Amino acid sequence: MEQIIKIDTEYIRLDALLKLAGAFETGGQAKVSIQNGEVLVNGEVCTMRGKKMREGDSAQFAGVTYRVAAQ
């Protein structure tokens, strides 16, 4: 499953993207999962919660892909 997340800024932090998408209720939950290596960014494990996600980037968690798009 893929979900498109539209942003009106140059980038969004990975933890904020996952929270905005509804993958997590809080930024703290997102932080823990990211640091545990449970999130893929563009197909690779990423443990940096502050990773800048730009248009065209994608994050995967729990079988769902969240793709960043410009608004």
N, C-alpha and C. Protein backbone atom coordinates (compact mmCIF):
# COMPACT_ATOMS: atom_id res chain seq x y z
N MET A 1 0.85 -1.18 0.00
CA MET A 1 0.00 0.00 0.00
C MET A 1 0.89 1.24 0.00
N GLU A 2 0.46 2.26 -0.75
CA GLU A 2 1.22 3.50 -0.81
C GLU A 2 0.33 4.67 -0.46
N GLN A 3 0.89 5.59 0.31
CA GLN A 3 0.16 6.79 0.71
C GLN A 3 1.00 8.00 0.29
N ILE A 4 0.38 8.96 -0.38
CA ILE A 4 1.07 10.18 -0.82
C ILE A 4 0.90 11.24 0.27
N ILE A 5 2.02 11.82 0.70
CA ILE A 5 1.99 12.88 1.70
C ILE A 5 2.45 14.17 1.01
N LYS A 6 1.56 15.14 0.93
CA LYS A 6 1.88 16.40 0.24
C LYS A 6 2.41 17.41 1.25
N ILE A 7 3.53 18.05 0.89
CA ILE A 7 4.11 19.07 1.74
C ILE A 7 4.25 20.37 0.95
N ASP A 8 4.23 21.50 1.66
CA ASP A 8 4.39 22.79 0.99
C ASP A 8 5.68 23.48 1.41
N THR A 9 6.63 22.67 1.90
CA THR A 9 7.94 23.17 2.28
C THR A 9 8.98 22.40 1.48
N GLU A 10 10.25 22.80 1.59
CA GLU A 10 11.32 22.14 0.84
C GLU A 10 11.49 20.68 1.28
N TYR A 11 11.33 20.44 2.59
CA TYR A 11 11.49 19.09 3.13
C TYR A 11 10.68 18.93 4.41
N ILE A 12 10.57 17.69 4.86
CA ILE A 12 9.94 17.37 6.14
C ILE A 12 10.82 16.33 6.82
N ARG A 13 10.96 16.43 8.13
CA ARG A 13 11.76 15.45 8.85
C ARG A 13 11.05 14.10 8.83
N LEU A 14 11.84 13.04 8.82
CA LEU A 14 11.29 11.69 8.77
C LEU A 14 10.29 11.43 9.88
N ASP A 15 10.63 11.78 11.12
CA ASP A 15 9.70 11.52 12.23
C ASP A 15 8.40 12.31 12.08
N ALA A 16 8.52 13.55 11.58
CA ALA A 16 7.32 14.38 11.38
C ALA A 16 6.46 13.83 10.23
N LEU A 17 7.12 13.30 9.20
CA LEU A 17 6.40 12.70 8.08
C LEU A 17 5.54 11.53 8.55
N LEU A 18 6.15 10.65 9.34
CA LEU A 18 5.43 9.46 9.81
C LEU A 18 4.29 9.83 10.75
N LYS A 19 4.50 10.85 11.55
CA LYS A 19 3.43 11.31 12.45
C LYS A 19 2.30 11.95 11.63
N LEU A 20 2.66 12.80 10.67
CA LEU A 20 1.66 13.45 9.81
C LEU A 20 0.84 12.42 9.04
N ALA A 21 1.51 11.36 8.59
CA ALA A 21 0.84 10.32 7.81
C ALA A 21 -0.07 9.44 8.65
N GLY A 22 0.06 9.53 9.97
CA GLY A 22 -0.77 8.71 10.85
C GLY A 22 -0.17 7.37 11.19
N ALA A 23 1.09 7.15 10.82
CA ALA A 23 1.75 5.88 11.14
C ALA A 23 1.98 5.77 12.65
N PHE A 24 2.14 6.91 13.30
CA PHE A 24 2.34 6.97 14.75
C PHE A 24 1.50 8.09 15.34
N GLU A 25 1.09 7.91 16.59
CA GLU A 25 0.31 8.96 17.24
C GLU A 25 1.20 10.09 17.75
N THR A 26 2.44 9.75 18.14
CA THR A 26 3.34 10.77 18.69
C THR A 26 4.69 10.70 18.00
N GLY A 27 5.41 11.81 18.08
CA GLY A 27 6.76 11.84 17.55
C GLY A 27 7.68 10.90 18.31
N GLY A 28 7.41 10.71 19.58
CA GLY A 28 8.22 9.81 20.40
C GLY A 28 8.13 8.37 19.93
N GLN A 29 6.93 7.94 19.55
CA GLN A 29 6.76 6.58 19.02
C GLN A 29 7.53 6.43 17.71
N ALA A 30 7.46 7.44 16.87
CA ALA A 30 8.19 7.41 15.60
C ALA A 30 9.68 7.35 15.85
N LYS A 31 10.16 8.14 16.80
CA LYS A 31 11.59 8.18 17.14
C LYS A 31 12.10 6.79 17.51
N VAL A 32 11.38 6.10 18.37
CA VAL A 32 11.80 4.78 18.84
C VAL A 32 11.87 3.79 17.68
N SER A 33 10.84 3.76 16.83
CA SER A 33 10.83 2.82 15.71
C SER A 33 11.94 3.13 14.72
N ILE A 34 12.19 4.41 14.47
CA ILE A 34 13.26 4.80 13.56
C ILE A 34 14.61 4.37 14.12
N GLN A 35 14.84 4.66 15.39
CA GLN A 35 16.12 4.31 16.01
C GLN A 35 16.32 2.80 16.12
N ASN A 36 15.23 2.04 16.15
CA ASN A 36 15.32 0.58 16.19
C ASN A 36 15.51 -0.04 14.80
N GLY A 37 15.59 0.80 13.78
CA GLY A 37 15.83 0.30 12.42
C GLY A 37 14.61 -0.30 11.76
N GLU A 38 13.42 0.10 12.20
CA GLU A 38 12.18 -0.47 11.67
C GLU A 38 11.63 0.30 10.46
N VAL A 39 12.31 1.40 10.09
CA VAL A 39 11.82 2.25 9.01
C VAL A 39 12.84 2.26 7.87
N LEU A 40 12.34 2.09 6.65
CA LEU A 40 13.19 2.17 5.47
C LEU A 40 12.96 3.52 4.78
N VAL A 41 14.05 4.13 4.33
CA VAL A 41 13.96 5.36 3.53
C VAL A 41 14.56 5.05 2.17
N ASN A 42 13.76 5.22 1.14
CA ASN A 42 14.20 4.91 -0.22
C ASN A 42 14.80 3.51 -0.31
N GLY A 43 14.19 2.56 0.42
CA GLY A 43 14.58 1.16 0.35
C GLY A 43 15.70 0.73 1.27
N GLU A 44 16.25 1.66 2.08
CA GLU A 44 17.34 1.31 2.98
C GLU A 44 16.98 1.69 4.41
N VAL A 45 17.47 0.90 5.37
CA VAL A 45 17.22 1.20 6.79
C VAL A 45 17.80 2.57 7.11
N CYS A 46 17.02 3.38 7.80
CA CYS A 46 17.46 4.71 8.21
C CYS A 46 17.18 4.86 9.71
N THR A 47 18.20 5.22 10.47
CA THR A 47 18.02 5.40 11.92
C THR A 47 18.10 6.86 12.32
N MET A 48 18.08 7.76 11.35
CA MET A 48 18.14 9.21 11.65
C MET A 48 16.72 9.78 11.62
N ARG A 49 16.20 10.09 12.79
CA ARG A 49 14.82 10.59 12.83
C ARG A 49 14.70 11.97 12.19
N GLY A 50 15.80 12.72 12.13
CA GLY A 50 15.79 14.04 11.54
C GLY A 50 16.11 14.05 10.05
N LYS A 51 16.14 12.88 9.43
CA LYS A 51 16.43 12.76 7.99
C LYS A 51 15.49 13.68 7.21
N LYS A 52 16.06 14.50 6.34
CA LYS A 52 15.25 15.41 5.54
C LYS A 52 14.64 14.65 4.36
N MET A 53 13.33 14.60 4.33
CA MET A 53 12.59 13.92 3.28
C MET A 53 12.09 14.97 2.29
N ARG A 54 12.53 14.83 1.03
CA ARG A 54 12.15 15.77 -0.01
C ARG A 54 11.21 15.11 -1.01
N GLU A 55 10.67 15.93 -1.91
CA GLU A 55 9.76 15.42 -2.93
C GLU A 55 10.40 14.23 -3.65
N GLY A 56 9.64 13.15 -3.78
CA GLY A 56 10.12 11.94 -4.45
C GLY A 56 10.68 10.90 -3.50
N ASP A 57 11.05 11.31 -2.27
CA ASP A 57 11.55 10.35 -1.27
C ASP A 57 10.39 9.52 -0.74
N SER A 58 10.72 8.34 -0.22
CA SER A 58 9.68 7.50 0.37
C SER A 58 10.20 6.86 1.66
N ALA A 59 9.27 6.62 2.56
CA ALA A 59 9.56 5.93 3.82
C ALA A 59 8.63 4.73 3.88
N GLN A 60 9.13 3.61 4.40
CA GLN A 60 8.31 2.41 4.54
C GLN A 60 8.29 1.99 6.00
N PHE A 61 7.09 1.68 6.49
CA PHE A 61 6.93 1.17 7.84
C PHE A 61 5.69 0.29 7.86
N ALA A 62 5.82 -0.88 8.46
CA ALA A 62 4.70 -1.81 8.65
C ALA A 62 3.94 -2.09 7.35
N GLY A 63 4.68 -2.26 6.25
CA GLY A 63 4.05 -2.62 4.99
C GLY A 63 3.42 -1.48 4.22
N VAL A 64 3.57 -0.27 4.71
CA VAL A 64 3.00 0.89 4.03
C VAL A 64 4.14 1.79 3.56
N THR A 65 4.03 2.28 2.33
CA THR A 65 5.01 3.21 1.79
C THR A 65 4.40 4.62 1.82
N TYR A 66 5.15 5.56 2.37
CA TYR A 66 4.72 6.96 2.44
C TYR A 66 5.61 7.76 1.50
N ARG A 67 5.04 8.27 0.41
CA ARG A 67 5.82 9.00 -0.59
C ARG A 67 5.56 10.50 -0.45
N VAL A 68 6.65 11.28 -0.48
CA VAL A 68 6.57 12.72 -0.35
C VAL A 68 6.31 13.35 -1.71
N ALA A 69 5.34 14.25 -1.77
CA ALA A 69 5.01 14.97 -2.99
C ALA A 69 4.83 16.46 -2.66
N ALA A 70 5.15 17.31 -3.64
CA ALA A 70 4.94 18.75 -3.46
C ALA A 70 3.45 19.05 -3.60
N GLN A 71 3.03 20.07 -2.88
CA GLN A 71 1.61 20.42 -2.91
C GLN A 71 1.28 21.27 -4.09
